[in-house]
């Protein structure tokens, strides 16, 4: 991830967060 600290996100949580964002759109089943 961007920033001064050495940080990151697991691939699994990264993908599930993006999938949740896509699923929250009105009309997506």
ModelCIF file with pLDDT and N, C-alpha, C, O atoms, coordinates in Angstrom:
data_MODEL
#
_entry.id   MODEL 
#
_entity.id                         1 
_entity.type                       polymer 
_entity.pdbx_number_of_molecules   1 
#
_entity_poly.entity_id                      1 
_entity_poly.type                           'polypeptide(L)' 
_entity_poly.nstd_linkage                   no 
_entity_poly.nstd_monomer                   no 
_entity_poly.pdbx_seq_one_letter_code       
;(UNK)(UNK)(UNK)(UNK)(UNK)(UNK)(UNK)(UNK)(UNK)(UNK)(UNK)(UNK)(UNK)(UNK)(UNK)(UNK)
(UNK)(UNK)(UNK)(UNK)(UNK)(UNK)(UNK)(UNK)(UNK)(UNK)(UNK)(UNK)(UNK)
;
_entity_poly.pdbx_seq_one_letter_code_can   XXXXXXXXXXXXXXXXXXXXXXXXXXXXX 
_entity_poly.pdbx_strand_id                 A 
#
loop_
_entity_poly_seq.entity_id 
_entity_poly_seq.num 
_entity_poly_seq.mon_id 
_entity_poly_seq.hetero 
1 1  UNK n 
1 2  UNK n 
1 3  UNK n 
1 4  UNK n 
1 5  UNK n 
1 6  UNK n 
1 7  UNK n 
1 8  UNK n 
1 9  UNK n 
1 10 UNK n 
1 11 UNK n 
1 12 UNK n 
1 13 UNK n 
1 14 UNK n 
1 15 UNK n 
1 16 UNK n 
1 17 UNK n 
1 18 UNK n 
1 19 UNK n 
1 20 UNK n 
1 21 UNK n 
1 22 UNK n 
1 23 UNK n 
1 24 UNK n 
1 25 UNK n 
1 26 UNK n 
1 27 UNK n 
1 28 UNK n 
1 29 UNK n 
#
_struct_asym.id          A 
_struct_asym.entity_id   1 
#
loop_
_ma_qa_metric.id 
_ma_qa_metric.mode 
_ma_qa_metric.name 
_ma_qa_metric.software_group_id 
_ma_qa_metric.type 
1 global pLDDT . pLDDT 
2 local  pLDDT . pLDDT 
#
_ma_qa_metric_global.metric_id      1 
_ma_qa_metric_global.metric_value   87.69 
_ma_qa_metric_global.model_id       1 
_ma_qa_metric_global.ordinal_id     1 
#
loop_
_ma_qa_metric_local.label_asym_id 
_ma_qa_metric_local.label_comp_id 
_ma_qa_metric_local.label_seq_id 
_ma_qa_metric_local.metric_id 
_ma_qa_metric_local.metric_value 
_ma_qa_metric_local.model_id 
_ma_qa_metric_local.ordinal_id 
A UNK 1  2 86.00 1 1  
A UNK 2  2 85.00 1 2  
A UNK 3  2 78.00 1 3  
A UNK 4  2 71.00 1 4  
A UNK 5  2 73.00 1 5  
A UNK 6  2 78.00 1 6  
A UNK 7  2 82.00 1 7  
A UNK 8  2 84.00 1 8  
A UNK 9  2 84.00 1 9  
A UNK 10 2 84.00 1 10 
A UNK 11 2 85.00 1 11 
A UNK 12 2 88.00 1 12 
A UNK 13 2 91.00 1 13 
A UNK 14 2 89.00 1 14 
A UNK 15 2 92.00 1 15 
A UNK 16 2 94.00 1 16 
A UNK 17 2 93.00 1 17 
A UNK 18 2 94.00 1 18 
A UNK 19 2 94.00 1 19 
A UNK 20 2 94.00 1 20 
A UNK 21 2 94.00 1 21 
A UNK 22 2 93.00 1 22 
A UNK 23 2 92.00 1 23 
A UNK 24 2 92.00 1 24 
A UNK 25 2 92.00 1 25 
A UNK 26 2 91.00 1 26 
A UNK 27 2 88.00 1 27 
A UNK 28 2 91.00 1 28 
A UNK 29 2 91.00 1 29 
#
loop_
_atom_site.group_PDB 
_atom_site.id 
_atom_site.type_symbol 
_atom_site.label_atom_id 
_atom_site.label_alt_id 
_atom_site.label_comp_id 
_atom_site.label_asym_id 
_atom_site.label_entity_id 
_atom_site.label_seq_id 
_atom_site.pdbx_PDB_ins_code 
_atom_site.Cartn_x 
_atom_site.Cartn_y 
_atom_site.Cartn_z 
_atom_site.occupancy 
_atom_site.B_iso_or_equiv 
_atom_site.pdbx_formal_charge 
_atom_site.auth_seq_id 
_atom_site.auth_comp_id 
_atom_site.auth_asym_id 
_atom_site.auth_atom_id 
_atom_site.pdbx_PDB_model_num 
ATOM 1   N N  . UNK A 1 1  ? 0.839   -1.196  0.000   1.00 86.00 ? 1  UNK A N  1 
ATOM 2   C CA . UNK A 1 1  ? 0.000   0.000   0.000   1.00 86.00 ? 1  UNK A CA 1 
ATOM 3   C C  . UNK A 1 1  ? 0.875   1.248   0.000   1.00 86.00 ? 1  UNK A C  1 
ATOM 4   O O  . UNK A 1 1  ? 2.031   1.214   0.422   1.00 86.00 ? 1  UNK A O  1 
ATOM 5   N N  . UNK A 1 2  ? 0.296   2.363   -0.487  1.00 85.00 ? 2  UNK A N  1 
ATOM 6   C CA . UNK A 1 2  ? 1.005   3.635   -0.481  1.00 85.00 ? 2  UNK A CA 1 
ATOM 7   C C  . UNK A 1 2  ? 1.152   4.137   0.940   1.00 85.00 ? 2  UNK A C  1 
ATOM 8   O O  . UNK A 1 2  ? 0.392   3.762   1.833   1.00 85.00 ? 2  UNK A O  1 
ATOM 9   N N  . UNK A 1 3  ? 2.133   4.985   1.133   1.00 78.00 ? 3  UNK A N  1 
ATOM 10  C CA . UNK A 1 3  ? 2.311   5.597   2.444   1.00 78.00 ? 3  UNK A CA 1 
ATOM 11  C C  . UNK A 1 3  ? 3.740   5.455   2.913   1.00 78.00 ? 3  UNK A C  1 
ATOM 12  O O  . UNK A 1 3  ? 4.554   4.762   2.303   1.00 78.00 ? 3  UNK A O  1 
ATOM 13  N N  . UNK A 1 4  ? 4.024   6.129   4.011   1.00 71.00 ? 4  UNK A N  1 
ATOM 14  C CA . UNK A 1 4  ? 5.375   6.111   4.547   1.00 71.00 ? 4  UNK A CA 1 
ATOM 15  C C  . UNK A 1 4  ? 5.676   4.820   5.297   1.00 71.00 ? 4  UNK A C  1 
ATOM 16  O O  . UNK A 1 4  ? 6.818   4.359   5.297   1.00 71.00 ? 4  UNK A O  1 
ATOM 17  N N  . UNK A 1 5  ? 4.674   4.235   5.930   1.00 73.00 ? 5  UNK A N  1 
ATOM 18  C CA . UNK A 1 5  ? 4.897   3.007   6.679   1.00 73.00 ? 5  UNK A CA 1 
ATOM 19  C C  . UNK A 1 5  ? 4.932   1.819   5.732   1.00 73.00 ? 5  UNK A C  1 
ATOM 20  O O  . UNK A 1 5  ? 4.367   1.855   4.638   1.00 73.00 ? 5  UNK A O  1 
ATOM 21  N N  . UNK A 1 6  ? 5.600   0.778   6.171   1.00 78.00 ? 6  UNK A N  1 
ATOM 22  C CA . UNK A 1 6  ? 5.690   -0.446  5.371   1.00 78.00 ? 6  UNK A CA 1 
ATOM 23  C C  . UNK A 1 6  ? 4.432   -1.269  5.635   1.00 78.00 ? 6  UNK A C  1 
ATOM 24  O O  . UNK A 1 6  ? 4.400   -2.099  6.544   1.00 78.00 ? 6  UNK A O  1 
ATOM 25  N N  . UNK A 1 7  ? 3.401   -1.031  4.830   1.00 82.00 ? 7  UNK A N  1 
ATOM 26  C CA . UNK A 1 7  ? 2.122   -1.683  5.089   1.00 82.00 ? 7  UNK A CA 1 
ATOM 27  C C  . UNK A 1 7  ? 1.634   -2.414  3.849   1.00 82.00 ? 7  UNK A C  1 
ATOM 28  O O  . UNK A 1 7  ? 2.093   -2.162  2.735   1.00 82.00 ? 7  UNK A O  1 
ATOM 29  N N  . UNK A 1 8  ? 0.691   -3.326  4.067   1.00 84.00 ? 8  UNK A N  1 
ATOM 30  C CA . UNK A 1 8  ? 0.136   -4.082  2.971   1.00 84.00 ? 8  UNK A CA 1 
ATOM 31  C C  . UNK A 1 8  ? -1.184  -4.714  3.356   1.00 84.00 ? 8  UNK A C  1 
ATOM 32  O O  . UNK A 1 8  ? -1.584  -4.709  4.520   1.00 84.00 ? 8  UNK A O  1 
ATOM 33  N N  . UNK A 1 9  ? -1.849  -5.256  2.354   1.00 84.00 ? 9  UNK A N  1 
ATOM 34  C CA . UNK A 1 9  ? -3.128  -5.946  2.550   1.00 84.00 ? 9  UNK A CA 1 
ATOM 35  C C  . UNK A 1 9  ? -3.021  -7.319  1.906   1.00 84.00 ? 9  UNK A C  1 
ATOM 36  O O  . UNK A 1 9  ? -2.415  -7.464  0.845   1.00 84.00 ? 9  UNK A O  1 
ATOM 37  N N  . UNK A 1 10 ? -3.602  -8.317  2.537   1.00 84.00 ? 10 UNK A N  1 
ATOM 38  C CA . UNK A 1 10 ? -3.554  -9.656  1.945   1.00 84.00 ? 10 UNK A CA 1 
ATOM 39  C C  . UNK A 1 10 ? -4.364  -9.665  0.651   1.00 84.00 ? 10 UNK A C  1 
ATOM 40  O O  . UNK A 1 10 ? -5.335  -8.922  0.507   1.00 84.00 ? 10 UNK A O  1 
ATOM 41  N N  . UNK A 1 11 ? -3.951  -10.513 -0.283  1.00 85.00 ? 11 UNK A N  1 
ATOM 42  C CA . UNK A 1 11 ? -4.639  -10.602 -1.568  1.00 85.00 ? 11 UNK A CA 1 
ATOM 43  C C  . UNK A 1 11 ? -6.104  -10.974 -1.385  1.00 85.00 ? 11 UNK A C  1 
ATOM 44  O O  . UNK A 1 11 ? -6.976  -10.455 -2.082  1.00 85.00 ? 11 UNK A O  1 
ATOM 45  N N  . UNK A 1 12 ? -6.367  -11.863 -0.456  1.00 88.00 ? 12 UNK A N  1 
ATOM 46  C CA . UNK A 1 12 ? -7.732  -12.325 -0.224  1.00 88.00 ? 12 UNK A CA 1 
ATOM 47  C C  . UNK A 1 12 ? -8.623  -11.184 0.265   1.00 88.00 ? 12 UNK A C  1 
ATOM 48  O O  . UNK A 1 12 ? -9.731  -11.009 -0.241  1.00 88.00 ? 12 UNK A O  1 
ATOM 49  N N  . UNK A 1 13 ? -8.156  -10.408 1.238   1.00 91.00 ? 13 UNK A N  1 
ATOM 50  C CA . UNK A 1 13 ? -8.979  -9.312  1.746   1.00 91.00 ? 13 UNK A CA 1 
ATOM 51  C C  . UNK A 1 13 ? -9.105  -8.191  0.722   1.00 91.00 ? 13 UNK A C  1 
ATOM 52  O O  . UNK A 1 13 ? -10.142 -7.534  0.633   1.00 91.00 ? 13 UNK A O  1 
ATOM 53  N N  . UNK A 1 14 ? -8.042  -7.977  -0.049  1.00 89.00 ? 14 UNK A N  1 
ATOM 54  C CA . UNK A 1 14 ? -8.060  -6.981  -1.123  1.00 89.00 ? 14 UNK A CA 1 
ATOM 55  C C  . UNK A 1 14 ? -9.153  -7.323  -2.138  1.00 89.00 ? 14 UNK A C  1 
ATOM 56  O O  . UNK A 1 14 ? -9.948  -6.463  -2.517  1.00 89.00 ? 14 UNK A O  1 
ATOM 57  N N  . UNK A 1 15 ? -9.184  -8.592  -2.576  1.00 92.00 ? 15 UNK A N  1 
ATOM 58  C CA . UNK A 1 15 ? -10.174 -9.032  -3.549  1.00 92.00 ? 15 UNK A CA 1 
ATOM 59  C C  . UNK A 1 15 ? -11.580 -8.994  -2.964  1.00 92.00 ? 15 UNK A C  1 
ATOM 60  O O  . UNK A 1 15 ? -12.512 -8.561  -3.641  1.00 92.00 ? 15 UNK A O  1 
ATOM 61  N N  . UNK A 1 16 ? -11.753 -9.442  -1.710  1.00 94.00 ? 16 UNK A N  1 
ATOM 62  C CA . UNK A 1 16 ? -13.104 -9.468  -1.143  1.00 94.00 ? 16 UNK A CA 1 
ATOM 63  C C  . UNK A 1 16 ? -13.637 -8.063  -0.895  1.00 94.00 ? 16 UNK A C  1 
ATOM 64  O O  . UNK A 1 16 ? -14.844 -7.840  -0.993  1.00 94.00 ? 16 UNK A O  1 
ATOM 65  N N  . UNK A 1 17 ? -12.767 -7.114  -0.578  1.00 93.00 ? 17 UNK A N  1 
ATOM 66  C CA . UNK A 1 17 ? -13.199 -5.724  -0.401  1.00 93.00 ? 17 UNK A CA 1 
ATOM 67  C C  . UNK A 1 17 ? -13.658 -5.134  -1.723  1.00 93.00 ? 17 UNK A C  1 
ATOM 68  O O  . UNK A 1 17 ? -14.672 -4.438  -1.779  1.00 93.00 ? 17 UNK A O  1 
ATOM 69  N N  . UNK A 1 18 ? -12.914 -5.409  -2.787  1.00 94.00 ? 18 UNK A N  1 
ATOM 70  C CA . UNK A 1 18 ? -13.318 -4.907  -4.104  1.00 94.00 ? 18 UNK A CA 1 
ATOM 71  C C  . UNK A 1 18 ? -14.590 -5.597  -4.586  1.00 94.00 ? 18 UNK A C  1 
ATOM 72  O O  . UNK A 1 18 ? -15.433 -4.965  -5.222  1.00 94.00 ? 18 UNK A O  1 
ATOM 73  N N  . UNK A 1 19 ? -14.735 -6.885  -4.289  1.00 94.00 ? 19 UNK A N  1 
ATOM 74  C CA . UNK A 1 19 ? -15.959 -7.601  -4.675  1.00 94.00 ? 19 UNK A CA 1 
ATOM 75  C C  . UNK A 1 19 ? -17.161 -7.037  -3.926  1.00 94.00 ? 19 UNK A C  1 
ATOM 76  O O  . UNK A 1 19 ? -18.245 -6.919  -4.498  1.00 94.00 ? 19 UNK A O  1 
ATOM 77  N N  . UNK A 1 20 ? -16.984 -6.692  -2.666  1.00 94.00 ? 20 UNK A N  1 
ATOM 78  C CA . UNK A 1 20 ? -18.079 -6.094  -1.896  1.00 94.00 ? 20 UNK A CA 1 
ATOM 79  C C  . UNK A 1 20 ? -18.477 -4.748  -2.477  1.00 94.00 ? 20 UNK A C  1 
ATOM 80  O O  . UNK A 1 20 ? -19.660 -4.410  -2.514  1.00 94.00 ? 20 UNK A O  1 
ATOM 81  N N  . UNK A 1 21 ? -17.491 -3.975  -2.932  1.00 94.00 ? 21 UNK A N  1 
ATOM 82  C CA . UNK A 1 21 ? -17.805 -2.681  -3.550  1.00 94.00 ? 21 UNK A CA 1 
ATOM 83  C C  . UNK A 1 21 ? -18.603 -2.879  -4.825  1.00 94.00 ? 21 UNK A C  1 
ATOM 84  O O  . UNK A 1 21 ? -19.535 -2.122  -5.095  1.00 94.00 ? 21 UNK A O  1 
ATOM 85  N N  . UNK A 1 22 ? -18.250 -3.890  -5.615  1.00 93.00 ? 22 UNK A N  1 
ATOM 86  C CA . UNK A 1 22 ? -18.990 -4.154  -6.852  1.00 93.00 ? 22 UNK A CA 1 
ATOM 87  C C  . UNK A 1 22 ? -20.393 -4.671  -6.551  1.00 93.00 ? 22 UNK A C  1 
ATOM 88  O O  . UNK A 1 22 ? -21.343 -4.328  -7.253  1.00 93.00 ? 22 UNK A O  1 
ATOM 89  N N  . UNK A 1 23 ? -20.529 -5.489  -5.519  1.00 92.00 ? 23 UNK A N  1 
ATOM 90  C CA . UNK A 1 23 ? -21.836 -6.064  -5.174  1.00 92.00 ? 23 UNK A CA 1 
ATOM 91  C C  . UNK A 1 23 ? -22.787 -5.034  -4.592  1.00 92.00 ? 23 UNK A C  1 
ATOM 92  O O  . UNK A 1 23 ? -24.003 -5.217  -4.653  1.00 92.00 ? 23 UNK A O  1 
ATOM 93  N N  . UNK A 1 24 ? -22.259 -3.950  -4.027  1.00 92.00 ? 24 UNK A N  1 
ATOM 94  C CA . UNK A 1 24 ? -23.106 -2.922  -3.419  1.00 92.00 ? 24 UNK A CA 1 
ATOM 95  C C  . UNK A 1 24 ? -23.796 -2.025  -4.442  1.00 92.00 ? 24 UNK A C  1 
ATOM 96  O O  . UNK A 1 24 ? -24.691 -1.259  -4.087  1.00 92.00 ? 24 UNK A O  1 
ATOM 97  N N  . UNK A 1 25 ? -23.394 -2.112  -5.691  1.00 92.00 ? 25 UNK A N  1 
ATOM 98  C CA . UNK A 1 25 ? -24.019 -1.289  -6.734  1.00 92.00 ? 25 UNK A CA 1 
ATOM 99  C C  . UNK A 1 25 ? -25.439 -1.788  -6.966  1.00 92.00 ? 25 UNK A C  1 
ATOM 100 O O  . UNK A 1 25 ? -25.683 -2.993  -7.021  1.00 92.00 ? 25 UNK A O  1 
ATOM 101 N N  . UNK A 1 26 ? -26.364 -0.856  -7.100  1.00 91.00 ? 26 UNK A N  1 
ATOM 102 C CA . UNK A 1 26 ? -27.772 -1.188  -7.291  1.00 91.00 ? 26 UNK A CA 1 
ATOM 103 C C  . UNK A 1 26 ? -27.963 -1.963  -8.595  1.00 91.00 ? 26 UNK A C  1 
ATOM 104 O O  . UNK A 1 26 ? -27.549 -1.504  -9.660  1.00 91.00 ? 26 UNK A O  1 
ATOM 105 N N  . UNK A 1 27 ? -28.581 -3.123  -8.511  1.00 88.00 ? 27 UNK A N  1 
ATOM 106 C CA . UNK A 1 27 ? -28.854 -3.937  -9.688  1.00 88.00 ? 27 UNK A CA 1 
ATOM 107 C C  . UNK A 1 27 ? -27.917 -5.116  -9.835  1.00 88.00 ? 27 UNK A C  1 
ATOM 108 O O  . UNK A 1 27 ? -28.187 -6.002  -10.646 1.00 88.00 ? 27 UNK A O  1 
ATOM 109 N N  . UNK A 1 28 ? -26.830 -5.165  -9.091  1.00 91.00 ? 28 UNK A N  1 
ATOM 110 C CA . UNK A 1 28 ? -25.877 -6.282  -9.179  1.00 91.00 ? 28 UNK A CA 1 
ATOM 111 C C  . UNK A 1 28 ? -26.342 -7.388  -8.239  1.00 91.00 ? 28 UNK A C  1 
ATOM 112 O O  . UNK A 1 28 ? -26.537 -7.158  -7.046  1.00 91.00 ? 28 UNK A O  1 
ATOM 113 N N  . UNK A 1 29 ? -26.518 -8.596  -8.788  1.00 91.00 ? 29 UNK A N  1 
ATOM 114 C CA . UNK A 1 29 ? -26.934 -9.728  -7.962  1.00 91.00 ? 29 UNK A CA 1 
ATOM 115 C C  . UNK A 1 29 ? -25.750 -10.572 -7.512  1.00 91.00 ? 29 UNK A C  1 
ATOM 116 O O  . UNK A 1 29 ? -25.932 -11.565 -6.808  1.00 91.00 ? 29 UNK A O  1 
#
